[in-house]
Amino acid sequence: MSYQYIPVMLGGVLGIVFVIYRAIHYKTVFAAEEAEYKVDPIREEDSEC
């Protein structure tokens, strides 16, 4: 019996699971990234000369 296909099958299954996980959680990840790089309009007005 050959076990050469097991790593390929594991990689395929884990890849599919990872893609599904990212598709489900993309809104929370993007919201966190957007909040980190958001520009505060009040501070932007104060910095103008």
Protein backbone atom coordinates (compact mmCIF):
# COMPACT_ATOMS: atom_id res chain seq x y z
CA MET A 1 0.00 0.00 0.00
CA SER A 2 1.37 3.41 -0.99
CA TYR A 3 1.06 6.37 1.33
CA GLN A 4 2.50 8.94 -1.07
CA TYR A 5 -0.86 10.62 -1.63
CA ILE A 6 -1.47 11.40 2.07
CA PRO A 7 0.54 14.68 2.21
CA VAL A 8 -1.17 15.87 -0.97
CA MET A 9 -4.60 15.07 0.45
CA LEU A 10 -3.78 16.76 3.76
CA GLY A 11 -2.53 19.86 1.95
CA GLY A 12 -5.63 20.00 -0.21
CA VAL A 13 -8.02 19.59 2.71
CA LEU A 14 -6.18 22.11 4.88
CA GLY A 15 -6.05 24.57 1.98
CA ILE A 16 -9.80 24.32 1.47
CA VAL A 17 -10.43 24.75 5.21
CA PHE A 18 -8.13 27.80 5.28
CA VAL A 19 -9.92 29.43 2.33
CA ILE A 20 -13.33 28.83 3.93
CA TYR A 21 -12.10 30.24 7.26
CA ARG A 22 -10.76 33.37 5.56
CA ALA A 23 -14.00 33.81 3.60
CA ILE A 24 -16.05 33.64 6.79
CA HIS A 25 -13.84 35.95 8.86
CA TYR A 26 -12.78 38.48 6.23
CA LYS A 27 -15.13 41.21 7.51
CA THR A 28 -13.68 41.18 11.03
CA VAL A 29 -10.11 41.11 9.72
CA PHE A 30 -10.69 44.01 7.32
CA ALA A 31 -12.54 46.00 10.00
CA ALA A 32 -9.59 45.65 12.36
CA GLU A 33 -7.10 46.68 9.67
CA GLU A 34 -9.24 49.65 8.61
CA ALA A 35 -9.54 50.85 12.21
CA GLU A 36 -5.77 50.65 12.60
CA TYR A 37 -5.08 52.87 9.57
CA LYS A 38 -8.09 55.17 9.84
CA VAL A 39 -7.34 58.89 9.76
CA ASP A 40 -9.01 60.93 12.47
CA PRO A 41 -10.57 64.02 10.79
CA ILE A 42 -10.32 66.13 13.96
CA ARG A 43 -6.59 65.56 14.30
CA GLU A 44 -6.14 66.14 10.58
CA GLU A 45 -7.74 69.60 10.89
CA ASP A 46 -5.58 70.47 13.92
CA SER A 47 -2.37 69.64 12.07
CA GLU A 48 -3.07 72.16 9.28
CA CYS A 49 -1.14 75.42 9.59
